[in-house]
Amino acid sequence: MDVVVGQEDDGRHARLRPGHRLRVELDGDHRPVTVSDAALLEPLRITGGYATGQPMIAVLTAISPGEVLVSSSTDFECLHDTMPCALPQAEWALSVTVAAD
């Protein structure tokens, strides 16, 4: 079973079983997702995101039971200028339980 999450799922919780996949779809201004424990939830493919102009899409597979956090944040080109802009950065996070049952 695949679970698909997006911007609106910030702060929510997802439940997977080993072998299930999680697909994260975020705007193109998000950095690639990070996973707090890749031994539990393994990234298979991450495309797009900040600096590409394309939506950030990550596909992860649940490996072992446990709790894991998937997160990302926005980034903008002007934040890296000599005189950085004042655009606010947004954090995005999803807690995931990989359950054996």
C-alpha atoms as a PDB file:
ATOM      1  CA  MET A   1       0.000   0.000   0.000  1.00  0.00           C
ATOM      2  CA  ASP A   2       1.322   3.436  -0.896  1.00  0.00           C
ATOM      3  CA  VAL A   3       0.671   6.551   1.182  1.00  0.00           C
ATOM      4  CA  VAL A   4       0.882   9.952  -0.510  1.00  0.00           C
ATOM      5  CA  VAL A   5       1.400  13.113   1.550  1.00  0.00           C
ATOM      6  CA  GLY A   6       1.866  16.777   0.666  1.00  0.00           C
ATOM      7  CA  GLN A   7       1.992  20.353   1.985  1.00  0.00           C
ATOM      8  CA  GLU A   8      -1.294  19.936   3.855  1.00  0.00           C
ATOM      9  CA  ASP A   9       0.091  17.009   5.865  1.00  0.00           C
ATOM     10  CA  ASP A  10       2.650  19.095   7.768  1.00  0.00           C
ATOM     11  CA  GLY A  11       2.624  18.050  11.429  1.00  0.00           C
ATOM     12  CA  ARG A  12       0.555  14.945  10.794  1.00  0.00           C
ATOM     13  CA  HIS A  13       1.265  11.258  11.361  1.00  0.00           C
ATOM     14  CA  ALA A  14       1.383   8.359   8.891  1.00  0.00           C
ATOM     15  CA  ARG A  15       1.388   4.639   9.607  1.00  0.00           C
ATOM     16  CA  LEU A  16       3.102   2.149   7.311  1.00  0.00           C
ATOM     17  CA  ARG A  17       4.033  -1.517   7.380  1.00  0.00           C
ATOM     18  CA  PRO A  18       7.378  -2.863   6.167  1.00  0.00           C
ATOM     19  CA  GLY A  19       7.366  -2.928   2.376  1.00  0.00           C
ATOM     20  CA  HIS A  20       4.881  -0.072   2.042  1.00  0.00           C
ATOM     21  CA  ARG A  21       5.936   3.103   0.286  1.00  0.00           C
ATOM     22  CA  LEU A  22       5.582   6.729   1.282  1.00  0.00           C
ATOM     23  CA  ARG A  23       5.444   9.372  -1.460  1.00  0.00           C
ATOM     24  CA  VAL A  24       6.067  12.970  -0.381  1.00  0.00           C
ATOM     25  CA  GLU A  25       5.030  15.724  -2.799  1.00  0.00           C
ATOM     26  CA  LEU A  26       6.088  19.283  -1.887  1.00  0.00           C
ATOM     27  CA  ASP A  27       6.492  22.558  -3.766  1.00  0.00           C
ATOM     28  CA  GLY A  28       9.623  23.225  -5.797  1.00  0.00           C
ATOM     29  CA  ASP A  29      10.969  25.632  -3.180  1.00  0.00           C
ATOM     30  CA  HIS A  30      11.442  22.792  -0.654  1.00  0.00           C
ATOM     31  CA  ARG A  31      14.776  21.117  -0.050  1.00  0.00           C
ATOM     32  CA  PRO A  32      14.898  17.322  -0.495  1.00  0.00           C
ATOM     33  CA  VAL A  33      13.429  15.515   2.509  1.00  0.00           C
ATOM     34  CA  THR A  34      15.594  14.132   5.278  1.00  0.00           C
ATOM     35  CA  VAL A  35      14.767  11.009   7.266  1.00  0.00           C
ATOM     36  CA  SER A  36      15.749  10.650  10.922  1.00  0.00           C
ATOM     37  CA  ASP A  37      16.482   6.912  10.538  1.00  0.00           C
ATOM     38  CA  ALA A  38      17.060   5.497   7.042  1.00  0.00           C
ATOM     39  CA  ALA A  39      17.229   1.984   8.531  1.00  0.00           C
ATOM     40  CA  LEU A  40      13.477   2.286   9.204  1.00  0.00           C
ATOM     41  CA  LEU A  41      12.378   4.332   6.190  1.00  0.00           C
ATOM     42  CA  GLU A  42      14.738   4.143   3.236  1.00  0.00           C
ATOM     43  CA  PRO A  43      14.756   6.858   0.552  1.00  0.00           C
ATOM     44  CA  LEU A  44      14.447   5.257  -2.892  1.00  0.00           C
ATOM     45  CA  ARG A  45      14.181   8.312  -5.118  1.00  0.00           C
ATOM     46  CA  ILE A  46      14.171  12.050  -4.505  1.00  0.00           C
ATOM     47  CA  THR A  47      13.719  14.467  -7.399  1.00  0.00           C
ATOM     48  CA  GLY A  48      13.160  18.185  -7.878  1.00  0.00           C
ATOM     49  CA  GLY A  49      13.013  20.677  -5.063  1.00  0.00           C
ATOM     50  CA  TYR A  50      14.948  23.841  -4.331  1.00  0.00           C
ATOM     51  CA  ALA A  51      17.054  25.195  -7.165  1.00  0.00           C
ATOM     52  CA  THR A  52      15.462  22.923  -9.810  1.00  0.00           C
ATOM     53  CA  GLY A  53      12.160  24.752 -10.201  1.00  0.00           C
ATOM     54  CA  GLN A  54      10.381  21.393 -10.129  1.00  0.00           C
ATOM     55  CA  PRO A  55       8.147  19.955  -7.389  1.00  0.00           C
ATOM     56  CA  MET A  56      10.080  17.987  -4.768  1.00  0.00           C
ATOM     57  CA  ILE A  57       8.990  14.356  -4.918  1.00  0.00           C
ATOM     58  CA  ALA A  58      10.432  11.695  -2.638  1.00  0.00           C
ATOM     59  CA  VAL A  59       9.617   7.992  -2.583  1.00  0.00           C
ATOM     60  CA  LEU A  60      10.603   6.094   0.555  1.00  0.00           C
ATOM     61  CA  THR A  61      10.141   2.447   1.553  1.00  0.00           C
ATOM     62  CA  ALA A  62       9.304   1.273   5.062  1.00  0.00           C
ATOM     63  CA  ILE A  63      11.962  -1.248   6.152  1.00  0.00           C
ATOM     64  CA  SER A  64      11.732  -2.011   9.874  1.00  0.00           C
ATOM     65  CA  PRO A  65       9.312  -1.239  12.733  1.00  0.00           C
ATOM     66  CA  GLY A  66       9.880   1.969  14.659  1.00  0.00           C
ATOM     67  CA  GLU A  67       9.271   5.735  14.719  1.00  0.00           C
ATOM     68  CA  VAL A  68      10.853   8.066  12.187  1.00  0.00           C
ATOM     69  CA  LEU A  69      10.592  11.743  11.243  1.00  0.00           C
ATOM     70  CA  VAL A  70      10.538  12.934   7.627  1.00  0.00           C
ATOM     71  CA  SER A  71      11.241  16.638   7.225  1.00  0.00           C
ATOM     72  CA  SER A  72      12.057  19.418   4.788  1.00  0.00           C
ATOM     73  CA  SER A  73      12.267  23.190   4.698  1.00  0.00           C
ATOM     74  CA  THR A  74      11.927  25.840   2.041  1.00  0.00           C
ATOM     75  CA  ASP A  75      14.864  27.649   0.513  1.00  0.00           C
ATOM     76  CA  PHE A  76      15.091  30.523  -1.926  1.00  0.00           C
ATOM     77  CA  GLU A  77      17.893  31.742  -4.170  1.00  0.00           C
ATOM     78  CA  CYS A  78      17.755  35.254  -2.697  1.00  0.00           C
ATOM     79  CA  LEU A  79      18.626  33.853   0.767  1.00  0.00           C
ATOM     80  CA  HIS A  80      22.089  33.042  -0.604  1.00  0.00           C
ATOM     81  CA  ASP A  81      22.799  36.513  -2.004  1.00  0.00           C
ATOM     82  CA  THR A  82      25.434  38.825  -0.502  1.00  0.00           C
ATOM     83  CA  MET A  83      22.539  40.850   0.878  1.00  0.00           C
ATOM     84  CA  PRO A  84      19.991  38.100   1.675  1.00  0.00           C
ATOM     85  CA  CYS A  85      16.288  38.714   1.234  1.00  0.00           C
ATOM     86  CA  ALA A  86      13.867  38.513   4.139  1.00  0.00           C
ATOM     87  CA  LEU A  87      11.650  35.716   2.837  1.00  0.00           C
ATOM     88  CA  PRO A  88      10.525  33.484   5.686  1.00  0.00           C
ATOM     89  CA  GLN A  89      11.474  29.827   5.512  1.00  0.00           C
ATOM     90  CA  ALA A  90       8.853  27.193   6.261  1.00  0.00           C
ATOM     91  CA  GLU A  91       9.506  23.873   7.982  1.00  0.00           C
ATOM     92  CA  TRP A  92       7.597  20.732   6.999  1.00  0.00           C
ATOM     93  CA  ALA A  93       7.554  17.500   9.023  1.00  0.00           C
ATOM     94  CA  LEU A  94       5.691  14.209   9.136  1.00  0.00           C
ATOM     95  CA  SER A  95       6.028  11.596  11.868  1.00  0.00           C
ATOM     96  CA  VAL A  96       5.856   8.024  10.610  1.00  0.00           C
ATOM     97  CA  THR A  97       5.261   4.794  12.478  1.00  0.00           C
ATOM     98  CA  VAL A  98       6.447   1.659  10.749  1.00  0.00           C
ATOM     99  CA  ALA A  99       4.427  -1.082  12.438  1.00  0.00           C
ATOM    100  CA  ALA A 100       4.942  -4.820  12.184  1.00  0.00           C
ATOM    101  CA  ASP A 101       1.207  -5.533  12.630  1.00  0.00           C
END
